[in-house]
N, C-alpha and C. Protein backbone atom coordinates (compact mmCIF):
# COMPACT_ATOMS: atom_id res chain seq x y z
N MET A 1 29.45 -37.87 20.57
CA MET A 1 28.41 -38.30 21.47
C MET A 1 29.06 -38.75 22.78
N ALA A 2 28.47 -38.35 23.90
CA ALA A 2 29.00 -38.71 25.21
C ALA A 2 28.69 -40.17 25.51
N GLN A 3 29.59 -40.77 26.24
CA GLN A 3 29.44 -42.18 26.58
C GLN A 3 28.68 -42.31 27.89
N ALA A 4 27.69 -43.17 27.92
CA ALA A 4 26.91 -43.39 29.13
C ALA A 4 27.72 -44.18 30.14
N PRO A 5 27.50 -43.95 31.45
CA PRO A 5 28.22 -44.75 32.45
C PRO A 5 27.95 -46.23 32.24
N GLY A 6 29.01 -47.02 32.31
CA GLY A 6 28.87 -48.46 32.14
C GLY A 6 28.92 -48.90 30.70
N ASP A 7 28.95 -47.95 29.75
CA ASP A 7 29.03 -48.30 28.34
C ASP A 7 30.43 -48.77 28.05
N SER A 8 30.57 -49.91 27.41
CA SER A 8 31.89 -50.49 27.19
C SER A 8 32.45 -50.18 25.81
N ALA A 9 31.87 -49.23 25.09
CA ALA A 9 32.39 -48.89 23.77
C ALA A 9 33.81 -48.37 23.92
N GLY A 10 34.70 -48.91 23.17
CA GLY A 10 36.09 -48.51 23.21
C GLY A 10 36.90 -49.24 24.27
N ALA A 11 36.28 -50.05 25.08
CA ALA A 11 37.00 -50.81 26.10
C ALA A 11 37.77 -51.95 25.45
N GLN A 12 38.93 -52.23 26.01
CA GLN A 12 39.76 -53.30 25.48
C GLN A 12 39.47 -54.58 26.22
N THR A 13 39.59 -55.69 25.53
CA THR A 13 39.46 -57.00 26.13
C THR A 13 40.79 -57.37 26.75
N PRO A 14 40.81 -57.81 28.02
CA PRO A 14 42.08 -58.17 28.64
C PRO A 14 42.80 -59.28 27.88
N GLY A 15 44.08 -59.12 27.70
CA GLY A 15 44.90 -60.13 27.05
C GLY A 15 45.64 -60.94 28.09
N ASP A 16 46.60 -61.71 27.66
CA ASP A 16 47.34 -62.58 28.58
C ASP A 16 48.12 -61.78 29.61
N ASP A 17 48.63 -60.61 29.24
CA ASP A 17 49.47 -59.83 30.14
C ASP A 17 48.69 -58.77 30.90
N GLU A 18 47.40 -58.63 30.64
CA GLU A 18 46.61 -57.61 31.29
C GLU A 18 45.84 -58.20 32.45
N PRO A 19 45.43 -57.34 33.40
CA PRO A 19 44.64 -57.84 34.53
C PRO A 19 43.36 -58.51 34.07
N ALA A 20 42.93 -59.51 34.81
CA ALA A 20 41.74 -60.26 34.46
C ALA A 20 40.60 -59.92 35.40
N THR A 21 39.41 -60.17 34.96
CA THR A 21 38.25 -60.02 35.82
C THR A 21 37.70 -61.40 36.11
N ASP A 22 37.04 -61.53 37.24
CA ASP A 22 36.42 -62.80 37.58
C ASP A 22 35.21 -63.01 36.69
N GLY A 23 34.75 -64.23 36.59
CA GLY A 23 33.60 -64.53 35.77
C GLY A 23 33.96 -64.99 34.37
N VAL A 24 35.23 -64.93 34.02
CA VAL A 24 35.66 -65.39 32.70
C VAL A 24 36.06 -66.85 32.84
N PRO A 25 35.45 -67.74 32.05
CA PRO A 25 35.77 -69.17 32.17
C PRO A 25 37.25 -69.45 31.92
N GLY A 26 37.83 -70.33 32.73
CA GLY A 26 39.19 -70.76 32.51
C GLY A 26 40.26 -69.91 33.14
N ARG A 27 39.87 -68.87 33.87
CA ARG A 27 40.87 -68.07 34.55
C ARG A 27 40.26 -67.38 35.77
N GLN A 28 41.16 -66.95 36.67
CA GLN A 28 40.73 -66.29 37.89
C GLN A 28 41.81 -65.31 38.31
N ARG A 29 41.42 -64.29 39.06
CA ARG A 29 42.41 -63.35 39.59
C ARG A 29 43.41 -64.11 40.45
N LEU A 30 44.67 -63.74 40.35
CA LEU A 30 45.73 -64.42 41.09
C LEU A 30 45.53 -64.30 42.60
N ASP A 31 45.18 -63.13 43.10
CA ASP A 31 45.01 -62.99 44.54
C ASP A 31 43.86 -63.85 45.06
N ARG A 32 42.78 -63.95 44.30
CA ARG A 32 41.66 -64.81 44.72
C ARG A 32 42.06 -66.27 44.71
N TRP A 33 42.81 -66.70 43.68
CA TRP A 33 43.20 -68.10 43.60
C TRP A 33 44.11 -68.48 44.77
N ILE A 34 45.09 -67.62 45.07
CA ILE A 34 46.01 -67.90 46.18
C ILE A 34 45.24 -67.99 47.50
N TRP A 35 44.26 -67.12 47.69
CA TRP A 35 43.44 -67.14 48.90
C TRP A 35 42.55 -68.38 48.93
N HIS A 36 41.90 -68.72 47.82
CA HIS A 36 41.04 -69.90 47.76
C HIS A 36 41.84 -71.18 47.98
N ALA A 37 43.09 -71.19 47.55
CA ALA A 37 43.95 -72.37 47.73
C ALA A 37 44.51 -72.44 49.15
N ARG A 38 44.16 -71.49 49.98
CA ARG A 38 44.55 -71.45 51.38
C ARG A 38 46.07 -71.37 51.57
N VAL A 39 46.74 -70.67 50.67
CA VAL A 39 48.17 -70.43 50.82
C VAL A 39 48.39 -69.36 51.89
N VAL A 40 47.46 -68.40 51.97
CA VAL A 40 47.50 -67.33 52.98
C VAL A 40 46.14 -67.25 53.66
N ARG A 41 46.05 -66.51 54.75
CA ARG A 41 44.82 -66.45 55.54
C ARG A 41 43.76 -65.51 54.99
N SER A 42 44.16 -64.46 54.28
CA SER A 42 43.17 -63.51 53.77
C SER A 42 43.52 -63.09 52.34
N ARG A 43 42.51 -62.56 51.65
CA ARG A 43 42.75 -62.09 50.29
C ARG A 43 43.68 -60.88 50.30
N ALA A 44 43.57 -60.05 51.32
CA ALA A 44 44.47 -58.90 51.45
C ALA A 44 45.92 -59.37 51.60
N ASP A 45 46.13 -60.44 52.36
CA ASP A 45 47.48 -61.01 52.50
C ASP A 45 47.99 -61.51 51.16
N ALA A 46 47.11 -62.11 50.36
CA ALA A 46 47.51 -62.59 49.04
C ALA A 46 47.91 -61.42 48.15
N ALA A 47 47.12 -60.35 48.18
CA ALA A 47 47.44 -59.17 47.37
C ALA A 47 48.76 -58.54 47.81
N ASP A 48 48.99 -58.46 49.13
CA ASP A 48 50.24 -57.90 49.64
C ASP A 48 51.44 -58.75 49.22
N LEU A 49 51.29 -60.06 49.27
CA LEU A 49 52.35 -60.98 48.87
C LEU A 49 52.71 -60.77 47.40
N ILE A 50 51.70 -60.59 46.57
CA ILE A 50 51.93 -60.37 45.14
C ILE A 50 52.58 -59.02 44.90
N ARG A 51 52.05 -57.96 45.52
CA ARG A 51 52.61 -56.61 45.33
C ARG A 51 54.06 -56.54 45.79
N ALA A 52 54.42 -57.32 46.81
CA ALA A 52 55.79 -57.32 47.32
C ALA A 52 56.76 -58.08 46.41
N GLY A 53 56.23 -58.72 45.36
CA GLY A 53 57.08 -59.42 44.41
C GLY A 53 57.46 -60.83 44.82
N HIS A 54 56.70 -61.44 45.72
CA HIS A 54 57.01 -62.78 46.21
C HIS A 54 56.34 -63.90 45.43
N VAL A 55 55.68 -63.54 44.31
CA VAL A 55 54.98 -64.54 43.51
C VAL A 55 55.49 -64.48 42.07
N ARG A 56 55.76 -65.67 41.54
CA ARG A 56 56.14 -65.79 40.12
C ARG A 56 55.12 -66.68 39.42
N LEU A 57 54.76 -66.29 38.22
CA LEU A 57 53.82 -67.03 37.40
C LEU A 57 54.57 -67.52 36.18
N ASP A 58 54.75 -68.83 36.06
CA ASP A 58 55.56 -69.43 35.00
C ASP A 58 56.94 -68.79 34.92
N GLY A 59 57.54 -68.53 36.08
CA GLY A 59 58.90 -68.01 36.16
C GLY A 59 59.03 -66.50 36.05
N THR A 60 57.94 -65.79 35.81
CA THR A 60 57.97 -64.33 35.67
C THR A 60 57.36 -63.69 36.90
N ARG A 61 58.08 -62.74 37.50
CA ARG A 61 57.58 -62.06 38.69
C ARG A 61 56.31 -61.29 38.37
N VAL A 62 55.34 -61.40 39.25
CA VAL A 62 54.05 -60.73 39.10
C VAL A 62 53.87 -59.78 40.26
N THR A 63 53.45 -58.53 39.98
CA THR A 63 53.21 -57.56 41.05
C THR A 63 51.80 -56.99 41.01
N THR A 64 50.95 -57.57 40.16
CA THR A 64 49.57 -57.12 40.03
C THR A 64 48.63 -58.20 40.56
N PRO A 65 47.92 -57.93 41.66
CA PRO A 65 47.02 -58.94 42.22
C PRO A 65 45.92 -59.37 41.25
N ALA A 66 45.54 -58.52 40.30
CA ALA A 66 44.47 -58.85 39.36
C ALA A 66 44.96 -59.64 38.15
N GLN A 67 46.22 -60.04 38.13
CA GLN A 67 46.76 -60.83 37.02
C GLN A 67 45.96 -62.12 36.87
N ALA A 68 45.69 -62.50 35.64
CA ALA A 68 44.95 -63.74 35.38
C ALA A 68 45.84 -64.95 35.61
N VAL A 69 45.26 -65.98 36.20
CA VAL A 69 45.94 -67.26 36.33
C VAL A 69 45.05 -68.29 35.64
N ARG A 70 45.67 -69.20 34.90
CA ARG A 70 44.94 -70.22 34.14
C ARG A 70 45.39 -71.61 34.57
N ALA A 71 44.55 -72.59 34.34
CA ALA A 71 44.90 -73.97 34.66
C ALA A 71 46.14 -74.37 33.87
N GLY A 72 47.04 -75.08 34.53
CA GLY A 72 48.27 -75.53 33.90
C GLY A 72 49.46 -74.62 34.18
N GLN A 73 49.22 -73.41 34.64
CA GLN A 73 50.33 -72.51 34.94
C GLN A 73 50.97 -72.90 36.27
N VAL A 74 52.24 -72.52 36.44
CA VAL A 74 52.99 -72.86 37.65
C VAL A 74 53.25 -71.58 38.44
N LEU A 75 52.90 -71.62 39.72
CA LEU A 75 53.14 -70.51 40.63
C LEU A 75 54.29 -70.84 41.56
N THR A 76 55.19 -69.91 41.76
CA THR A 76 56.25 -70.02 42.74
C THR A 76 55.98 -68.94 43.77
N ILE A 77 55.75 -69.34 45.00
CA ILE A 77 55.35 -68.40 46.05
C ILE A 77 56.37 -68.47 47.18
N ALA A 78 57.03 -67.34 47.45
CA ALA A 78 58.02 -67.26 48.52
C ALA A 78 57.32 -66.83 49.80
N LEU A 79 57.21 -67.75 50.73
CA LEU A 79 56.60 -67.46 52.03
C LEU A 79 57.71 -67.24 53.05
N ASP A 80 57.36 -66.91 54.29
CA ASP A 80 58.37 -66.62 55.31
C ASP A 80 59.35 -67.77 55.52
N ALA A 81 58.81 -68.98 55.69
CA ALA A 81 59.65 -70.11 56.05
C ALA A 81 60.10 -70.97 54.87
N ARG A 82 59.40 -70.86 53.74
CA ARG A 82 59.74 -71.74 52.62
C ARG A 82 59.19 -71.20 51.31
N VAL A 83 59.57 -71.87 50.24
CA VAL A 83 59.08 -71.53 48.90
C VAL A 83 58.19 -72.68 48.44
N ARG A 84 56.99 -72.34 47.97
CA ARG A 84 56.06 -73.37 47.46
C ARG A 84 55.94 -73.21 45.95
N VAL A 85 55.98 -74.33 45.26
CA VAL A 85 55.78 -74.35 43.81
C VAL A 85 54.52 -75.16 43.54
N LEU A 86 53.52 -74.51 42.94
CA LEU A 86 52.21 -75.11 42.74
C LEU A 86 51.80 -75.05 41.28
N ARG A 87 51.26 -76.14 40.77
CA ARG A 87 50.68 -76.16 39.43
C ARG A 87 49.17 -75.98 39.59
N VAL A 88 48.61 -74.98 38.92
CA VAL A 88 47.17 -74.69 39.00
C VAL A 88 46.42 -75.77 38.23
N LEU A 89 45.47 -76.42 38.91
CA LEU A 89 44.66 -77.45 38.27
C LEU A 89 43.25 -76.98 37.97
N SER A 90 42.66 -76.22 38.90
CA SER A 90 41.28 -75.77 38.72
C SER A 90 41.03 -74.53 39.57
N PHE A 91 39.77 -74.09 39.56
CA PHE A 91 39.38 -72.88 40.27
C PHE A 91 38.21 -73.18 41.19
N SER A 92 37.95 -72.26 42.10
CA SER A 92 36.85 -72.40 43.04
C SER A 92 36.10 -71.09 43.12
N GLU A 93 34.79 -71.16 43.23
CA GLU A 93 33.98 -69.95 43.37
C GLU A 93 34.09 -69.38 44.78
N ARG A 94 34.31 -70.27 45.77
CA ARG A 94 34.38 -69.87 47.16
C ARG A 94 35.58 -70.51 47.83
N ARG A 95 36.01 -69.91 48.92
CA ARG A 95 37.09 -70.48 49.70
C ARG A 95 36.52 -71.60 50.56
N GLY A 96 36.99 -72.80 50.34
CA GLY A 96 36.48 -73.95 51.08
C GLY A 96 37.40 -74.36 52.21
N ASP A 97 37.12 -75.52 52.79
CA ASP A 97 37.97 -76.02 53.85
C ASP A 97 39.26 -76.59 53.26
N ALA A 98 40.18 -76.96 54.13
CA ALA A 98 41.50 -77.41 53.69
C ALA A 98 41.44 -78.64 52.80
N THR A 99 40.49 -79.53 53.04
CA THR A 99 40.42 -80.74 52.22
C THR A 99 39.95 -80.46 50.80
N SER A 100 39.19 -79.39 50.61
CA SER A 100 38.69 -79.07 49.26
C SER A 100 39.75 -78.42 48.38
N THR A 101 40.85 -77.96 48.98
CA THR A 101 41.89 -77.31 48.18
C THR A 101 42.73 -78.30 47.38
N VAL A 102 42.62 -79.58 47.70
CA VAL A 102 43.40 -80.61 47.00
C VAL A 102 43.12 -80.58 45.50
N ALA A 103 41.92 -80.26 45.10
CA ALA A 103 41.55 -80.23 43.69
C ALA A 103 42.04 -78.99 42.97
N LEU A 104 42.50 -77.97 43.69
CA LEU A 104 42.90 -76.71 43.07
C LEU A 104 44.32 -76.71 42.52
N PHE A 105 45.21 -77.47 43.14
CA PHE A 105 46.61 -77.41 42.72
C PHE A 105 47.34 -78.73 42.96
N ASP A 106 48.48 -78.85 42.29
CA ASP A 106 49.40 -79.97 42.47
C ASP A 106 50.67 -79.38 43.06
N GLU A 107 51.06 -79.83 44.22
CA GLU A 107 52.26 -79.33 44.90
C GLU A 107 53.50 -79.92 44.21
N ILE A 108 54.32 -79.09 43.65
CA ILE A 108 55.53 -79.54 42.97
C ILE A 108 56.72 -79.52 43.92
N THR A 109 56.63 -78.69 44.94
CA THR A 109 57.71 -78.51 45.91
C THR A 109 58.01 -79.83 46.64
N ASP A 110 59.29 -80.14 46.78
CA ASP A 110 59.69 -81.29 47.60
C ASP A 110 59.61 -80.89 49.05
N ASN A 111 58.86 -81.64 49.85
CA ASN A 111 58.73 -81.31 51.28
C ASN A 111 59.73 -82.04 52.09
C-alpha cells in the first residue's frame, strides 16, 4: 500500500544523536537556541557557526544546526574575538531583548 503524504508510518523518533524538531518539550534546535540567546545576530549566522565546527556540545563538536540541545548541557562557542562557555538553563519561544536572555543560560566563561 502506498503511503500518503505526511503519513509518519515507518518514521523514526529522533534520539539523542539525531536532529531534533521544535515543539518537543525539554529541547530545542541548537541554531535557534544560539540565536534566541543572542550569541549571534541572525539564525543563519548561528547555523553557519555550527556548520563551520565552531560549536561544541558537552565537549563534542557539532556540525548539524538541527542538533537537539537540552537544559543542563554545556555549549562551547568559538567566536571571532573569544570563546564563550554557556550552560543551557531554559528555552524561549521567541527571540527577546538582551535582558530576557539572562534566564536562558549561565555564563561559565571567565571574563
